[in-house]
């Protein structure tokens, strides 16, 4: 299959497309990358150099692909951090153009807004754009717990509340939701839950919590989940495979004490995870 990934790019490290594209390729698929920025490194270092691209460039690049008549062969579009609403509009336009060319394609949106403990960290207007435009246009979304709460306008302190929040977001459009990090009242302190909700039901995977803090893990798991869902159309199977690979990747990263996720060194985890987690049907 062929996936178009529209995200940021860094020369050093692994975030955005530098985190999402390689797992797609390692699983045997083509990853077509359009970069929204070109930075020396991710902004978590506190200093970086580079350039933010504008929406016109995204539209120009997609137009070039359209002229090559390759959009009918695009099986899915995935997006992550959107630096401005006009870039978001260009991404949604791209997803629509791909769907017009290939009715079997899907759009996966990682609605980057903020995180628990940090709150909203994107520019003003982006949270509303995600909630009101990007999420309704998406077939799949991969929010974290904070983003699920924002998008649903509800809380998720219990598992029942998290499921109800997913239902509220489903009503806005997305068929499939992956909550990439969930901690409810019944989640042990040494664990983290992942929750998937789709037409085949609701499923939870619980993994040990790792002592690691790196950027780009969410970009990788969103790409992994999307690819596995496209190949299986099963939220349960996609959850199990993506969670197992992400855990293995982060475990290897933690063991190495690396500030960057070991996307290349731990690449076998994408194909044959060292630890396999079984989803629990809720």
C-alpha atoms as a PDB file:
ATOM      1  CA  UNK A   1       0.000   0.000   0.000  1.00  0.00           C
ATOM      2  CA  UNK A   2       0.928   3.654  -0.350  1.00  0.00           C
ATOM      3  CA  UNK A   3       0.558   6.208   2.456  1.00  0.00           C
ATOM      4  CA  UNK A   4       0.904   9.988   2.193  1.00  0.00           C
ATOM      5  CA  UNK A   5       2.244  11.413   5.453  1.00  0.00           C
ATOM      6  CA  UNK A   6       2.008  15.181   5.944  1.00  0.00           C
ATOM      7  CA  UNK A   7       3.968  16.139   9.037  1.00  0.00           C
ATOM      8  CA  UNK A   8       7.043  17.960  10.296  1.00  0.00           C
ATOM      9  CA  UNK A   9      10.595  16.832   9.514  1.00  0.00           C
ATOM     10  CA  UNK A  10      13.812  17.037  11.515  1.00  0.00           C
ATOM     11  CA  UNK A  11      17.348  16.444  10.253  1.00  0.00           C
ATOM     12  CA  UNK A  12      18.420  14.994  13.615  1.00  0.00           C
ATOM     13  CA  UNK A  13      16.218  12.706  15.670  1.00  0.00           C
ATOM     14  CA  UNK A  14      12.807  11.183  15.172  1.00  0.00           C
ATOM     15  CA  UNK A  15       9.588  13.202  15.351  1.00  0.00           C
ATOM     16  CA  UNK A  16       6.862  13.861  12.797  1.00  0.00           C
ATOM     17  CA  UNK A  17       7.627  12.279   9.456  1.00  0.00           C
ATOM     18  CA  UNK A  18      11.059  11.251  10.757  1.00  0.00           C
ATOM     19  CA  UNK A  19       9.187   9.052  13.247  1.00  0.00           C
ATOM     20  CA  UNK A  20       6.167   7.969  11.179  1.00  0.00           C
ATOM     21  CA  UNK A  21       7.552   7.162   7.734  1.00  0.00           C
ATOM     22  CA  UNK A  22      10.159   4.538   8.587  1.00  0.00           C
ATOM     23  CA  UNK A  23       7.768   2.213  10.493  1.00  0.00           C
ATOM     24  CA  UNK A  24       5.426   2.335   7.482  1.00  0.00           C
ATOM     25  CA  UNK A  25       8.304   1.428   5.175  1.00  0.00           C
ATOM     26  CA  UNK A  26       9.623  -1.273   7.533  1.00  0.00           C
ATOM     27  CA  UNK A  27       6.218  -2.927   7.391  1.00  0.00           C
ATOM     28  CA  UNK A  28       6.573  -3.156   3.628  1.00  0.00           C
ATOM     29  CA  UNK A  29       4.581  -0.154   2.435  1.00  0.00           C
ATOM     30  CA  UNK A  30       5.444   3.019   0.574  1.00  0.00           C
ATOM     31  CA  UNK A  31       5.528   6.257   2.564  1.00  0.00           C
ATOM     32  CA  UNK A  32       5.196   9.463   0.562  1.00  0.00           C
ATOM     33  CA  UNK A  33       6.290  12.366   2.722  1.00  0.00           C
ATOM     34  CA  UNK A  34       5.276  15.987   2.550  1.00  0.00           C
ATOM     35  CA  UNK A  35       7.029  18.025   5.221  1.00  0.00           C
ATOM     36  CA  UNK A  36       5.331  20.973   6.917  1.00  0.00           C
ATOM     37  CA  UNK A  37       8.614  22.147   8.451  1.00  0.00           C
ATOM     38  CA  UNK A  38      12.313  21.370   8.042  1.00  0.00           C
ATOM     39  CA  UNK A  39      14.090  21.785  11.372  1.00  0.00           C
ATOM     40  CA  UNK A  40      17.539  20.795  12.578  1.00  0.00           C
ATOM     41  CA  UNK A  41      16.007  18.969  15.561  1.00  0.00           C
ATOM     42  CA  UNK A  42      12.784  18.839  17.554  1.00  0.00           C
ATOM     43  CA  UNK A  43      11.850  21.900  19.562  1.00  0.00           C
ATOM     44  CA  UNK A  44      12.100  20.056  22.872  1.00  0.00           C
ATOM     45  CA  UNK A  45      15.831  20.765  22.848  1.00  0.00           C
ATOM     46  CA  UNK A  46      15.023  24.441  23.390  1.00  0.00           C
ATOM     47  CA  UNK A  47      17.006  25.627  20.373  1.00  0.00           C
ATOM     48  CA  UNK A  48      16.663  24.693  16.727  1.00  0.00           C
ATOM     49  CA  UNK A  49      17.106  26.074  13.259  1.00  0.00           C
ATOM     50  CA  UNK A  50      15.079  25.695  10.125  1.00  0.00           C
ATOM     51  CA  UNK A  51      12.020  26.812   8.256  1.00  0.00           C
ATOM     52  CA  UNK A  52       8.249  26.474   8.531  1.00  0.00           C
ATOM     53  CA  UNK A  53       6.638  25.828   5.159  1.00  0.00           C
ATOM     54  CA  UNK A  54       3.338  27.395   4.145  1.00  0.00           C
ATOM     55  CA  UNK A  55       0.071  25.919   2.940  1.00  0.00           C
ATOM     56  CA  UNK A  56       0.793  26.978  -0.638  1.00  0.00           C
ATOM     57  CA  UNK A  57       3.782  24.626  -0.775  1.00  0.00           C
ATOM     58  CA  UNK A  58       1.691  21.690   0.441  1.00  0.00           C
ATOM     59  CA  UNK A  59      -0.919  22.381  -2.244  1.00  0.00           C
ATOM     60  CA  UNK A  60       1.813  22.750  -4.878  1.00  0.00           C
ATOM     61  CA  UNK A  61       3.399  19.420  -3.997  1.00  0.00           C
ATOM     62  CA  UNK A  62       0.049  17.626  -3.968  1.00  0.00           C
ATOM     63  CA  UNK A  63      -0.737  19.255  -7.304  1.00  0.00           C
ATOM     64  CA  UNK A  64       2.470  17.825  -8.717  1.00  0.00           C
ATOM     65  CA  UNK A  65       1.520  14.362  -7.498  1.00  0.00           C
ATOM     66  CA  UNK A  66      -1.911  14.834  -9.020  1.00  0.00           C
ATOM     67  CA  UNK A  67      -0.303  15.663 -12.362  1.00  0.00           C
ATOM     68  CA  UNK A  68       1.613  12.376 -12.134  1.00  0.00           C
ATOM     69  CA  UNK A  69      -1.743  10.611 -11.619  1.00  0.00           C
ATOM     70  CA  UNK A  70      -0.511   8.810  -8.497  1.00  0.00           C
ATOM     71  CA  UNK A  71      -3.293   9.903  -6.130  1.00  0.00           C
ATOM     72  CA  UNK A  72      -5.541   6.997  -7.246  1.00  0.00           C
ATOM     73  CA  UNK A  73      -2.831   4.698  -5.838  1.00  0.00           C
ATOM     74  CA  UNK A  74      -2.775   6.433  -2.441  1.00  0.00           C
ATOM     75  CA  UNK A  75      -4.404   4.198   0.172  1.00  0.00           C
ATOM     76  CA  UNK A  76      -4.334   6.649   3.041  1.00  0.00           C
ATOM     77  CA  UNK A  77      -3.350  10.098   4.288  1.00  0.00           C
ATOM     78  CA  UNK A  78      -1.980  10.661   7.782  1.00  0.00           C
ATOM     79  CA  UNK A  79      -1.330  13.987   9.490  1.00  0.00           C
ATOM     80  CA  UNK A  80       0.026  15.099  12.842  1.00  0.00           C
ATOM     81  CA  UNK A  81       1.011  18.454  14.301  1.00  0.00           C
ATOM     82  CA  UNK A  82      -0.475  21.373  12.346  1.00  0.00           C
ATOM     83  CA  UNK A  83       1.356  24.626  12.945  1.00  0.00           C
ATOM     84  CA  UNK A  84      -1.402  26.869  11.600  1.00  0.00           C
ATOM     85  CA  UNK A  85      -5.016  26.646  10.480  1.00  0.00           C
ATOM     86  CA  UNK A  86      -4.136  27.340   6.823  1.00  0.00           C
ATOM     87  CA  UNK A  87      -1.797  24.337   6.834  1.00  0.00           C
ATOM     88  CA  UNK A  88      -4.647  22.316   8.334  1.00  0.00           C
ATOM     89  CA  UNK A  89      -6.960  23.436   5.547  1.00  0.00           C
ATOM     90  CA  UNK A  90      -4.382  22.331   2.962  1.00  0.00           C
ATOM     91  CA  UNK A  91      -4.121  18.923   4.642  1.00  0.00           C
ATOM     92  CA  UNK A  92      -7.895  18.448   4.697  1.00  0.00           C
ATOM     93  CA  UNK A  93      -8.046  19.499   1.050  1.00  0.00           C
ATOM     94  CA  UNK A  94      -5.377  16.913   0.267  1.00  0.00           C
ATOM     95  CA  UNK A  95      -7.308  14.158   2.048  1.00  0.00           C
ATOM     96  CA  UNK A  96     -10.416  15.112   0.092  1.00  0.00           C
ATOM     97  CA  UNK A  97      -8.512  15.064  -3.216  1.00  0.00           C
ATOM     98  CA  UNK A  98      -7.084  11.651  -2.443  1.00  0.00           C
ATOM     99  CA  UNK A  99     -10.521  10.298  -1.550  1.00  0.00           C
ATOM    100  CA  UNK A 100     -11.939  11.723  -4.777  1.00  0.00           C
ATOM    101  CA  UNK A 101      -9.224   9.837  -6.661  1.00  0.00           C
ATOM    102  CA  UNK A 102      -9.510   6.629  -4.619  1.00  0.00           C
ATOM    103  CA  UNK A 103     -12.774   5.875  -2.849  1.00  0.00           C
ATOM    104  CA  UNK A 104     -11.060   3.182  -0.762  1.00  0.00           C
ATOM    105  CA  UNK A 105      -8.582   5.578   0.821  1.00  0.00           C
ATOM    106  CA  UNK A 106      -8.855   6.812   4.412  1.00  0.00           C
ATOM    107  CA  UNK A 107      -7.657   9.802   6.401  1.00  0.00           C
ATOM    108  CA  UNK A 108      -6.003   9.349   9.801  1.00  0.00           C
ATOM    109  CA  UNK A 109      -5.599  12.476  11.934  1.00  0.00           C
ATOM    110  CA  UNK A 110      -3.419  12.648  15.013  1.00  0.00           C
ATOM    111  CA  UNK A 111      -5.162  15.665  16.624  1.00  0.00           C
ATOM    112  CA  UNK A 112      -2.151  17.214  18.346  1.00  0.00           C
ATOM    113  CA  UNK A 113      -3.500  19.756  20.852  1.00  0.00           C
ATOM    114  CA  UNK A 114      -1.854  19.213  24.231  1.00  0.00           C
ATOM    115  CA  UNK A 115      -1.194  16.674  26.958  1.00  0.00           C
ATOM    116  CA  UNK A 116      -2.000  15.854  30.567  1.00  0.00           C
ATOM    117  CA  UNK A 117       0.119  18.020  32.848  1.00  0.00           C
ATOM    118  CA  UNK A 118       1.046  20.428  30.058  1.00  0.00           C
ATOM    119  CA  UNK A 119      -2.357  21.576  28.867  1.00  0.00           C
ATOM    120  CA  UNK A 120      -2.755  23.050  25.399  1.00  0.00           C
ATOM    121  CA  UNK A 121       0.598  23.717  23.733  1.00  0.00           C
ATOM    122  CA  UNK A 122      -0.385  24.514  20.141  1.00  0.00           C
ATOM    123  CA  UNK A 123      -1.090  27.957  18.698  1.00  0.00           C
ATOM    124  CA  UNK A 124      -4.429  29.683  19.340  1.00  0.00           C
ATOM    125  CA  UNK A 125      -7.092  28.518  16.926  1.00  0.00           C
ATOM    126  CA  UNK A 126      -5.581  25.084  16.353  1.00  0.00           C
ATOM    127  CA  UNK A 127      -7.584  23.261  19.085  1.00  0.00           C
ATOM    128  CA  UNK A 128     -10.838  24.601  17.624  1.00  0.00           C
ATOM    129  CA  UNK A 129      -9.712  23.719  14.092  1.00  0.00           C
ATOM    130  CA  UNK A 130      -8.951  20.167  15.199  1.00  0.00           C
ATOM    131  CA  UNK A 131     -12.281  19.800  16.982  1.00  0.00           C
ATOM    132  CA  UNK A 132     -14.527  21.477  14.425  1.00  0.00           C
ATOM    133  CA  UNK A 133     -12.876  20.630  11.095  1.00  0.00           C
ATOM    134  CA  UNK A 134     -10.073  18.053  11.174  1.00  0.00           C
ATOM    135  CA  UNK A 135     -11.686  15.444  13.421  1.00  0.00           C
ATOM    136  CA  UNK A 136     -15.066  15.452  11.577  1.00  0.00           C
ATOM    137  CA  UNK A 137     -13.180  14.953   8.293  1.00  0.00           C
ATOM    138  CA  UNK A 138     -11.120  12.018   9.596  1.00  0.00           C
ATOM    139  CA  UNK A 139     -11.882   8.309   9.370  1.00  0.00           C
ATOM    140  CA  UNK A 140      -9.458   7.518  12.181  1.00  0.00           C
ATOM    141  CA  UNK A 141      -8.052   9.676  14.968  1.00  0.00           C
ATOM    142  CA  UNK A 142      -5.338   8.969  17.545  1.00  0.00           C
ATOM    143  CA  UNK A 143      -5.726  11.392  20.490  1.00  0.00           C
ATOM    144  CA  UNK A 144      -4.082  11.108  23.861  1.00  0.00           C
ATOM    145  CA  UNK A 145      -6.250  11.321  26.982  1.00  0.00           C
ATOM    146  CA  UNK A 146      -6.088  15.115  27.228  1.00  0.00           C
ATOM    147  CA  UNK A 147      -7.084  15.458  23.579  1.00  0.00           C
ATOM    148  CA  UNK A 148      -9.924  12.964  23.961  1.00  0.00           C
ATOM    149  CA  UNK A 149     -11.321  15.051  26.812  1.00  0.00           C
ATOM    150  CA  UNK A 150     -11.015  18.260  24.805  1.00  0.00           C
ATOM    151  CA  UNK A 151     -12.605  16.831  21.674  1.00  0.00           C
ATOM    152  CA  UNK A 152     -15.481  15.210  23.539  1.00  0.00           C
ATOM    153  CA  UNK A 153     -16.082  18.023  26.026  1.00  0.00           C
ATOM    154  CA  UNK A 154     -16.202  15.340  28.701  1.00  0.00           C
ATOM    155  CA  UNK A 155     -13.904  13.709  31.251  1.00  0.00           C
ATOM    156  CA  UNK A 156     -12.274  10.277  31.300  1.00  0.00           C
ATOM    157  CA  UNK A 157     -11.332   9.568  34.902  1.00  0.00           C
ATOM    158  CA  UNK A 158     -13.047   6.177  34.698  1.00  0.00           C
ATOM    159  CA  UNK A 159     -13.096   3.599  31.936  1.00  0.00           C
ATOM    160  CA  UNK A 160     -16.831   4.095  31.471  1.00  0.00           C
ATOM    161  CA  UNK A 161     -16.274   7.829  31.046  1.00  0.00           C
ATOM    162  CA  UNK A 162     -13.510   7.205  28.512  1.00  0.00           C
ATOM    163  CA  UNK A 163     -15.807   4.962  26.479  1.00  0.00           C
ATOM    164  CA  UNK A 164     -18.569   7.573  26.653  1.00  0.00           C
ATOM    165  CA  UNK A 165     -16.094  10.208  25.492  1.00  0.00           C
ATOM    166  CA  UNK A 166     -15.173   8.019  22.528  1.00  0.00           C
ATOM    167  CA  UNK A 167     -18.879   7.689  21.690  1.00  0.00           C
ATOM    168  CA  UNK A 168     -19.221  11.469  21.764  1.00  0.00           C
ATOM    169  CA  UNK A 169     -16.293  11.868  19.372  1.00  0.00           C
ATOM    170  CA  UNK A 170     -17.556   9.089  17.097  1.00  0.00           C
ATOM    171  CA  UNK A 171     -20.726  11.143  16.734  1.00  0.00           C
ATOM    172  CA  UNK A 172     -18.585  13.926  15.233  1.00  0.00           C
ATOM    173  CA  UNK A 173     -17.409  11.696  12.396  1.00  0.00           C
ATOM    174  CA  UNK A 174     -14.435   9.348  12.989  1.00  0.00           C
ATOM    175  CA  UNK A 175     -15.185   5.639  12.636  1.00  0.00           C
ATOM    176  CA  UNK A 176     -12.140   4.500  14.588  1.00  0.00           C
ATOM    177  CA  UNK A 177     -10.440   6.041  17.630  1.00  0.00           C
ATOM    178  CA  UNK A 178      -7.186   5.061  19.290  1.00  0.00           C
ATOM    179  CA  UNK A 179      -6.542   6.698  22.662  1.00  0.00           C
ATOM    180  CA  UNK A 180      -2.780   6.430  22.835  1.00  0.00           C
ATOM    181  CA  UNK A 181      -2.330   6.943  26.578  1.00  0.00           C
ATOM    182  CA  UNK A 182      -5.067   6.510  29.138  1.00  0.00           C
ATOM    183  CA  UNK A 183      -4.902   6.481  32.935  1.00  0.00           C
ATOM    184  CA  UNK A 184      -8.237   5.948  34.679  1.00  0.00           C
ATOM    185  CA  UNK A 185      -9.149   5.154  38.270  1.00  0.00           C
ATOM    186  CA  UNK A 186      -8.610   1.427  37.679  1.00  0.00           C
ATOM    187  CA  UNK A 187      -5.276   1.763  35.871  1.00  0.00           C
ATOM    188  CA  UNK A 188      -2.433   0.648  38.171  1.00  0.00           C
ATOM    189  CA  UNK A 189       0.173   3.306  38.891  1.00  0.00           C
ATOM    190  CA  UNK A 190       2.851   1.239  37.147  1.00  0.00           C
ATOM    191  CA  UNK A 191       0.798   0.766  33.969  1.00  0.00           C
ATOM    192  CA  UNK A 192      -0.638   2.682  31.042  1.00  0.00           C
ATOM    193  CA  UNK A 193      -3.701   1.801  28.993  1.00  0.00           C
ATOM    194  CA  UNK A 194      -4.423   2.172  25.305  1.00  0.00           C
ATOM    195  CA  UNK A 195      -8.041   2.167  24.167  1.00  0.00           C
ATOM    196  CA  UNK A 196      -9.332   1.462  20.662  1.00  0.00           C
ATOM    197  CA  UNK A 197     -12.925   1.982  19.610  1.00  0.00           C
ATOM    198  CA  UNK A 198     -14.378   1.055  16.236  1.00  0.00           C
ATOM    199  CA  UNK A 199     -17.192  -0.770  14.459  1.00  0.00           C
ATOM    200  CA  UNK A 200     -15.853  -4.083  15.807  1.00  0.00           C
ATOM    201  CA  UNK A 201     -16.077  -2.921  19.431  1.00  0.00           C
ATOM    202  CA  UNK A 202     -14.022  -1.353  22.219  1.00  0.00           C
ATOM    203  CA  UNK A 203     -10.720  -2.846  23.271  1.00  0.00           C
ATOM    204  CA  UNK A 204      -8.051  -2.105  25.866  1.00  0.00           C
ATOM    205  CA  UNK A 205      -4.380  -3.008  26.053  1.00  0.00           C
ATOM    206  CA  UNK A 206      -2.502  -2.448  29.301  1.00  0.00           C
ATOM    207  CA  UNK A 207       1.277  -2.191  29.212  1.00  0.00           C
ATOM    208  CA  UNK A 208       3.879  -1.490  31.911  1.00  0.00           C
ATOM    209  CA  UNK A 209       4.721   2.188  32.302  1.00  0.00           C
ATOM    210  CA  UNK A 210       8.276   2.855  31.199  1.00  0.00           C
ATOM    211  CA  UNK A 211      10.647   5.423  32.668  1.00  0.00           C
ATOM    212  CA  UNK A 212      11.241   7.201  29.382  1.00  0.00           C
ATOM    213  CA  UNK A 213      10.408  10.652  28.051  1.00  0.00           C
ATOM    214  CA  UNK A 214      10.982  11.143  24.339  1.00  0.00           C
ATOM    215  CA  UNK A 215       9.357  13.008  21.498  1.00  0.00           C
ATOM    216  CA  UNK A 216       7.936  11.241  18.470  1.00  0.00           C
ATOM    217  CA  UNK A 217       6.429   8.162  20.113  1.00  0.00           C
ATOM    218  CA  UNK A 218       2.897   9.358  19.354  1.00  0.00           C
ATOM    219  CA  UNK A 219       3.784   9.896  15.691  1.00  0.00           C
ATOM    220  CA  UNK A 220       5.102   6.338  15.455  1.00  0.00           C
ATOM    221  CA  UNK A 221       2.132   4.654  17.141  1.00  0.00           C
ATOM    222  CA  UNK A 222      -0.367   6.618  15.034  1.00  0.00           C
ATOM    223  CA  UNK A 223       1.358   5.430  11.859  1.00  0.00           C
ATOM    224  CA  UNK A 224       1.576   1.842  13.122  1.00  0.00           C
ATOM    225  CA  UNK A 225      -2.089   1.758  14.107  1.00  0.00           C
ATOM    226  CA  UNK A 226      -3.203   3.245  10.783  1.00  0.00           C
ATOM    227  CA  UNK A 227      -1.194   0.775   8.711  1.00  0.00           C
ATOM    228  CA  UNK A 228      -2.390  -2.229  10.715  1.00  0.00           C
ATOM    229  CA  UNK A 229      -6.000  -1.039  10.571  1.00  0.00           C
ATOM    230  CA  UNK A 230      -5.758  -0.589   6.809  1.00  0.00           C
ATOM    231  CA  UNK A 231      -4.474  -4.145   6.400  1.00  0.00           C
ATOM    232  CA  UNK A 232      -6.918  -5.779   8.848  1.00  0.00           C
ATOM    233  CA  UNK A 233      -9.853  -3.341   9.276  1.00  0.00           C
ATOM    234  CA  UNK A 234      -9.886  -4.551  12.873  1.00  0.00           C
ATOM    235  CA  UNK A 235      -9.475  -2.051  15.713  1.00  0.00           C
ATOM    236  CA  UNK A 236      -8.569  -4.931  18.042  1.00  0.00           C
ATOM    237  CA  UNK A 237      -5.825  -6.319  15.823  1.00  0.00           C
ATOM    238  CA  UNK A 238      -4.453  -2.894  14.966  1.00  0.00           C
ATOM    239  CA  UNK A 239      -4.367  -1.995  18.673  1.00  0.00           C
ATOM    240  CA  UNK A 240      -2.550  -5.181  19.653  1.00  0.00           C
ATOM    241  CA  UNK A 241       0.088  -4.842  16.946  1.00  0.00           C
ATOM    242  CA  UNK A 242       0.663  -1.114  17.350  1.00  0.00           C
ATOM    243  CA  UNK A 243       0.800  -1.287  21.166  1.00  0.00           C
ATOM    244  CA  UNK A 244       3.221  -4.224  21.123  1.00  0.00           C
ATOM    245  CA  UNK A 245       5.557  -2.518  18.657  1.00  0.00           C
ATOM    246  CA  UNK A 246       5.403   0.829  20.461  1.00  0.00           C
ATOM    247  CA  UNK A 247       6.145  -0.811  23.807  1.00  0.00           C
ATOM    248  CA  UNK A 248       9.135  -2.668  22.364  1.00  0.00           C
ATOM    249  CA  UNK A 249      10.428   0.515  20.751  1.00  0.00           C
ATOM    250  CA  UNK A 250      10.144   2.491  23.974  1.00  0.00           C
ATOM    251  CA  UNK A 251      11.562  -0.328  26.106  1.00  0.00           C
ATOM    252  CA  UNK A 252      14.648  -0.474  23.903  1.00  0.00           C
ATOM    253  CA  UNK A 253      14.926   3.304  24.064  1.00  0.00           C
ATOM    254  CA  UNK A 254      14.643   3.319  27.865  1.00  0.00           C
ATOM    255  CA  UNK A 255      17.246   0.573  28.216  1.00  0.00           C
ATOM    256  CA  UNK A 256      19.676   2.593  26.111  1.00  0.00           C
ATOM    257  CA  UNK A 257      18.998   5.791  28.061  1.00  0.00           C
ATOM    258  CA  UNK A 258      18.495   7.592  24.759  1.00  0.00           C
ATOM    259  CA  UNK A 259      16.878  11.023  24.437  1.00  0.00           C
ATOM    260  CA  UNK A 260      15.710  10.061  20.929  1.00  0.00           C
ATOM    261  CA  UNK A 261      13.564   7.017  20.208  1.00  0.00           C
ATOM    262  CA  UNK A 262      15.586   4.242  18.601  1.00  0.00           C
ATOM    263  CA  UNK A 263      13.501   4.088  15.433  1.00  0.00           C
ATOM    264  CA  UNK A 264      16.282   2.472  13.395  1.00  0.00           C
ATOM    265  CA  UNK A 265      18.145   0.444  16.015  1.00  0.00           C
ATOM    266  CA  UNK A 266      14.895  -1.108  17.304  1.00  0.00           C
ATOM    267  CA  UNK A 267      13.272  -1.545  13.895  1.00  0.00           C
ATOM    268  CA  UNK A 268      12.650  -5.271  14.388  1.00  0.00           C
ATOM    269  CA  UNK A 269      10.017  -4.297  16.950  1.00  0.00           C
ATOM    270  CA  UNK A 270       7.835  -3.020  14.098  1.00  0.00           C
ATOM    271  CA  UNK A 271       7.770  -6.424  12.422  1.00  0.00           C
ATOM    272  CA  UNK A 272       8.275  -8.901  15.284  1.00  0.00           C
ATOM    273  CA  UNK A 273       7.625  -7.272  18.679  1.00  0.00           C
ATOM    274  CA  UNK A 274       9.648  -8.826  21.485  1.00  0.00           C
ATOM    275  CA  UNK A 275       6.578  -8.727  23.726  1.00  0.00           C
ATOM    276  CA  UNK A 276       3.041  -9.212  22.412  1.00  0.00           C
ATOM    277  CA  UNK A 277       0.044  -7.756  24.236  1.00  0.00           C
ATOM    278  CA  UNK A 278      -3.451  -9.205  23.836  1.00  0.00           C
ATOM    279  CA  UNK A 279      -6.383  -6.766  23.634  1.00  0.00           C
ATOM    280  CA  UNK A 280      -9.181  -7.049  26.180  1.00  0.00           C
ATOM    281  CA  UNK A 281     -12.700  -6.602  24.792  1.00  0.00           C
ATOM    282  CA  UNK A 282     -14.702  -4.171  26.890  1.00  0.00           C
END
